């Protein structure tokens, strides 16, 4: 059964990630950079991927510099190419011997002033960014996550998926499709659990929107009401490995105060 639950209030228990191998898709953006830093701090081996080589390198270098000795690698991967995505997953497992997580942070937004002005070209773009990449990463990493014994597939979604607005039709529909796909993955983990014991979980972290310190610096007068800071998102991601797999699988966890 799918549930909507609040994220636990306690701080992240970093020991649960020590020695884990976690892949981060879409690691070049602010949320990706924050996740790389937190995962490296927690002692995980972090394998990052993004289509933008420069932004990816900046995040990888920052995580390595902040946490000397941490293993943080970066691959430029076209996640719209299923073969390239599967090759990334296979390469990660072969090199590090296991895969304990896939954090999916590929994002994008397009909208319109009204429903009547919706441009279906926006749907084409968002379908690729927000749905196809989820399909490709989930299919590529599913088996490896289950083999790891405590795997996590983490999708970051938006409240718009359940509350679409007139000018947000394409974005909300794409996010809803990505959530449905992820929950199907969760059901797959449940159905194939050896002896009824889940070896991996798929979960969704829901935000209104994300904000970074750079965004605050660029817009000092903006309130960003209800937005989730990327560092808080990274903390919530790290907490997922410390919680029982059964409590994580198939859940939508709200990171905003008001769902």
Protein backbone atom coordinates (compact mmCIF):
# COMPACT_ATOMS: atom_id res chain seq x y z
CA UNK A 1 0.00 0.00 0.00
CA UNK A 2 1.26 3.46 -0.86
CA UNK A 3 1.40 5.88 2.03
CA UNK A 4 2.05 9.57 2.45
CA UNK A 5 4.19 10.14 5.51
CA UNK A 6 6.07 13.06 7.05
CA UNK A 7 9.82 12.75 7.09
CA UNK A 8 11.24 11.96 10.55
CA UNK A 9 12.37 15.00 12.54
CA UNK A 10 15.64 13.61 13.92
CA UNK A 11 19.02 14.44 12.39
CA UNK A 12 20.59 12.10 9.83
CA UNK A 13 22.32 9.04 11.25
CA UNK A 14 25.36 9.08 9.04
CA UNK A 15 26.74 5.68 10.07
CA UNK A 16 24.12 3.86 7.99
CA UNK A 17 25.80 5.08 4.81
CA UNK A 18 29.41 4.34 5.69
CA UNK A 19 30.82 2.12 2.96
CA UNK A 20 27.68 2.31 0.81
CA UNK A 21 27.89 3.01 -2.92
CA UNK A 22 25.37 5.62 -4.04
CA UNK A 23 24.82 6.86 -7.58
CA UNK A 24 23.39 10.35 -8.10
CA UNK A 25 21.68 11.14 -11.41
CA UNK A 26 21.40 14.81 -12.29
CA UNK A 27 24.23 15.70 -9.92
CA UNK A 28 25.23 18.94 -11.63
CA UNK A 29 22.56 21.20 -10.16
CA UNK A 30 22.33 22.79 -6.69
CA UNK A 31 20.45 19.82 -5.24
CA UNK A 32 22.99 17.46 -6.75
CA UNK A 33 25.93 19.39 -5.34
CA UNK A 34 24.34 19.36 -1.87
CA UNK A 35 23.66 15.63 -2.10
CA UNK A 36 27.24 14.87 -3.11
CA UNK A 37 28.54 16.82 -0.11
CA UNK A 38 26.22 15.11 2.40
CA UNK A 39 26.72 11.61 1.02
CA UNK A 40 30.49 12.03 1.03
CA UNK A 41 30.31 13.35 4.60
CA UNK A 42 28.33 10.25 5.56
CA UNK A 43 31.13 8.02 4.30
CA UNK A 44 29.49 6.79 1.11
CA UNK A 45 31.28 6.19 -2.15
CA UNK A 46 29.48 8.59 -4.47
CA UNK A 47 29.16 8.03 -8.21
CA UNK A 48 27.73 11.14 -9.85
CA UNK A 49 26.34 11.63 -13.35
CA UNK A 50 25.08 14.60 -15.32
CA UNK A 51 24.86 15.68 -18.94
CA UNK A 52 26.69 18.94 -18.14
CA UNK A 53 30.35 18.05 -17.65
CA UNK A 54 31.36 21.43 -16.18
CA UNK A 55 28.62 21.58 -13.54
CA UNK A 56 29.25 17.94 -12.69
CA UNK A 57 32.98 18.54 -12.21
CA UNK A 58 32.27 21.50 -9.93
CA UNK A 59 30.10 19.37 -7.65
CA UNK A 60 32.50 16.44 -7.60
CA UNK A 61 35.49 18.65 -6.85
CA UNK A 62 33.63 20.48 -4.07
CA UNK A 63 32.65 17.22 -2.36
CA UNK A 64 36.18 15.85 -2.61
CA UNK A 65 37.68 19.06 -1.25
CA UNK A 66 35.22 19.29 1.65
CA UNK A 67 35.75 15.69 2.70
CA UNK A 68 39.35 14.70 2.12
CA UNK A 69 39.70 11.04 1.33
CA UNK A 70 36.11 10.63 0.17
CA UNK A 71 35.61 8.68 -3.04
CA UNK A 72 33.51 10.87 -5.33
CA UNK A 73 33.57 10.21 -9.06
CA UNK A 74 31.78 11.81 -11.99
CA UNK A 75 30.58 10.47 -15.34
CA UNK A 76 29.01 12.46 -18.16
CA UNK A 77 26.04 10.26 -19.00
CA UNK A 78 23.13 10.84 -21.38
CA UNK A 79 20.28 9.49 -19.27
CA UNK A 80 17.96 9.74 -22.28
CA UNK A 81 19.98 6.92 -23.81
CA UNK A 82 18.87 3.64 -22.16
CA UNK A 83 22.01 1.80 -23.27
CA UNK A 84 24.29 4.51 -21.87
CA UNK A 85 22.34 4.52 -18.60
CA UNK A 86 22.57 0.76 -18.26
CA UNK A 87 26.29 0.89 -19.06
CA UNK A 88 26.73 3.44 -16.25
CA UNK A 89 24.91 1.16 -13.81
CA UNK A 90 26.90 -1.91 -14.87
CA UNK A 91 30.18 -0.01 -14.72
CA UNK A 92 29.40 1.29 -11.23
CA UNK A 93 28.60 -2.15 -9.85
CA UNK A 94 31.63 -3.73 -11.53
CA UNK A 95 34.06 -1.07 -10.27
CA UNK A 96 32.80 -0.81 -6.69
CA UNK A 97 31.32 -4.29 -6.20
CA UNK A 98 27.84 -3.13 -5.25
CA UNK A 99 25.25 -0.37 -5.66
CA UNK A 100 23.28 0.71 -2.58
CA UNK A 101 21.43 3.70 -3.95
CA UNK A 102 20.27 5.71 -6.93
CA UNK A 103 19.22 9.28 -6.15
CA UNK A 104 17.31 10.77 -9.08
CA UNK A 105 17.65 14.56 -9.24
CA UNK A 106 17.09 15.22 -12.94
CA UNK A 107 14.82 18.25 -13.13
CA UNK A 108 13.31 20.84 -15.40
CA UNK A 109 10.26 23.09 -15.63
CA UNK A 110 8.12 24.67 -18.31
CA UNK A 111 4.75 26.32 -17.91
CA UNK A 112 2.29 28.82 -19.35
CA UNK A 113 0.16 31.75 -18.26
CA UNK A 114 -3.05 29.76 -18.66
CA UNK A 115 -4.28 26.29 -19.56
CA UNK A 116 -5.35 27.47 -23.04
CA UNK A 117 -1.81 28.69 -23.71
CA UNK A 118 -0.18 25.35 -22.90
CA UNK A 119 2.41 24.46 -25.51
CA UNK A 120 2.55 20.71 -26.10
CA UNK A 121 6.21 21.10 -27.02
CA UNK A 122 6.72 21.66 -23.28
CA UNK A 123 5.26 18.21 -22.66
CA UNK A 124 7.74 16.65 -25.08
CA UNK A 125 10.67 18.24 -23.24
CA UNK A 126 9.39 17.45 -19.75
CA UNK A 127 8.41 13.91 -20.69
CA UNK A 128 12.03 13.26 -21.61
CA UNK A 129 13.56 15.02 -18.61
CA UNK A 130 11.16 13.91 -15.90
CA UNK A 131 9.78 10.58 -17.11
CA UNK A 132 12.20 8.96 -19.55
CA UNK A 133 15.19 9.48 -17.29
CA UNK A 134 13.32 7.87 -14.38
CA UNK A 135 12.40 4.92 -16.57
CA UNK A 136 15.97 4.46 -17.73
CA UNK A 137 17.65 4.76 -14.33
CA UNK A 138 15.12 2.53 -12.56
CA UNK A 139 15.37 -0.23 -15.14
CA UNK A 140 19.16 0.01 -15.22
CA UNK A 141 19.71 -0.03 -11.44
CA UNK A 142 16.83 -2.22 -10.17
CA UNK A 143 18.70 -5.52 -10.02
CA UNK A 144 21.87 -4.02 -8.54
CA UNK A 145 19.92 -2.23 -5.82
CA UNK A 146 18.23 -5.49 -4.81
CA UNK A 147 21.56 -7.32 -4.78
CA UNK A 148 22.98 -4.73 -2.39
CA UNK A 149 20.57 -5.83 0.34
CA UNK A 150 19.65 -2.34 1.58
CA UNK A 151 19.16 -0.47 -1.67
CA UNK A 152 17.29 2.79 -2.12
CA UNK A 153 15.84 4.34 -5.27
CA UNK A 154 15.00 7.95 -4.43
CA UNK A 155 12.90 10.22 -6.63
CA UNK A 156 12.58 13.90 -5.79
CA UNK A 157 9.15 15.09 -6.92
CA UNK A 158 6.94 18.15 -6.53
CA UNK A 159 3.64 18.91 -4.84
CA UNK A 160 2.36 19.92 -8.28
CA UNK A 161 2.05 16.22 -9.17
CA UNK A 162 -0.97 15.97 -6.90
CA UNK A 163 -2.14 19.57 -7.20
CA UNK A 164 -1.81 20.63 -10.84
CA UNK A 165 -2.62 24.19 -11.78
CA UNK A 166 -3.90 25.60 -15.06
CA UNK A 167 -0.53 26.83 -16.25
CA UNK A 168 1.39 23.84 -14.94
CA UNK A 169 -0.31 21.02 -16.83
CA UNK A 170 2.70 19.55 -18.62
CA UNK A 171 4.99 19.74 -15.59
CA UNK A 172 2.44 18.30 -13.16
CA UNK A 173 1.51 15.48 -15.53
CA UNK A 174 5.16 14.54 -16.05
CA UNK A 175 5.86 14.56 -12.31
CA UNK A 176 2.77 12.43 -11.67
CA UNK A 177 3.91 9.92 -14.28
CA UNK A 178 7.38 9.74 -12.73
CA UNK A 179 5.83 9.13 -9.31
CA UNK A 180 3.60 6.35 -10.66
CA UNK A 181 6.62 4.69 -12.28
CA UNK A 182 8.59 4.86 -9.04
CA UNK A 183 5.73 3.36 -7.05
CA UNK A 184 5.54 0.54 -9.59
CA UNK A 185 9.24 -0.07 -8.93
CA UNK A 186 8.44 -0.21 -5.21
CA UNK A 187 5.79 -2.83 -5.88
CA UNK A 188 8.32 -4.76 -7.91
CA UNK A 189 10.74 -4.78 -5.00
CA UNK A 190 7.93 -6.02 -2.76
CA UNK A 191 6.84 -8.81 -5.10
CA UNK A 192 10.34 -10.15 -5.64
CA UNK A 193 11.50 -9.89 -2.01
CA UNK A 194 13.30 -13.14 -1.11
CA UNK A 195 11.46 -14.82 1.73
CA UNK A 196 9.30 -11.74 2.09
CA UNK A 197 12.24 -9.62 3.25
CA UNK A 198 12.67 -6.46 1.20
CA UNK A 199 16.19 -6.05 -0.18
CA UNK A 200 15.54 -2.59 -1.63
CA UNK A 201 13.07 0.27 -1.48
CA UNK A 202 11.80 2.93 -3.87
CA UNK A 203 10.51 6.16 -2.38
CA UNK A 204 9.48 9.68 -3.33
CA UNK A 205 10.49 12.89 -1.55
CA UNK A 206 7.97 15.63 -2.28
CA UNK A 207 8.80 19.34 -2.21
CA UNK A 208 6.96 22.47 -3.20
CA UNK A 209 10.16 23.76 -4.79
CA UNK A 210 13.85 23.88 -3.95
CA UNK A 211 15.99 26.81 -2.90
CA UNK A 212 19.76 27.18 -2.54
CA UNK A 213 21.93 29.77 -0.86
CA UNK A 214 22.91 31.12 -4.25
CA UNK A 215 19.24 31.73 -5.07
CA UNK A 216 18.81 33.60 -1.79
CA UNK A 217 21.89 35.70 -2.51
CA UNK A 218 20.60 36.58 -5.98
CA UNK A 219 17.13 37.52 -4.65
CA UNK A 220 17.68 38.87 -1.12
CA UNK A 221 14.10 40.14 -0.80
CA UNK A 222 12.39 36.91 -1.85
CA UNK A 223 10.58 34.88 0.82
CA UNK A 224 10.73 31.44 -0.87
CA UNK A 225 7.78 30.44 1.31
CA UNK A 226 7.40 26.70 1.62
CA UNK A 227 10.55 25.98 -0.38
CA UNK A 228 12.90 23.22 0.78
CA UNK A 229 16.57 24.11 1.08
CA UNK A 230 18.79 21.80 -0.95
CA UNK A 231 20.86 21.04 2.15
CA UNK A 232 17.74 19.90 4.01
CA UNK A 233 16.82 17.74 1.04
CA UNK A 234 20.30 16.18 1.14
CA UNK A 235 19.88 15.43 4.84
CA UNK A 236 16.55 13.70 4.19
CA UNK A 237 18.12 11.64 1.42
CA UNK A 238 20.84 10.44 3.81
CA UNK A 239 18.27 9.46 6.46
CA UNK A 240 16.64 6.93 4.15
CA UNK A 241 19.32 4.29 4.65
CA UNK A 242 18.98 4.42 8.45
CA UNK A 243 15.27 3.59 8.32
CA UNK A 244 13.87 0.05 7.87
CA UNK A 245 13.44 -0.82 4.21
CA UNK A 246 9.80 -1.76 4.81
CA UNK A 247 9.09 1.71 6.22
CA UNK A 248 10.59 3.42 3.18
CA UNK A 249 9.33 1.37 0.25
CA UNK A 250 6.36 2.75 -1.65
CA UNK A 251 6.07 5.97 0.36
CA UNK A 252 5.65 9.61 -0.61
CA UNK A 253 7.35 11.73 2.04
CA UNK A 254 6.49 15.41 2.28
CA UNK A 255 9.35 17.79 2.97
CA UNK A 256 7.07 20.80 3.15
CA UNK A 257 5.15 21.80 6.26
CA UNK A 258 1.80 21.79 4.48
CA UNK A 259 1.22 18.92 1.99
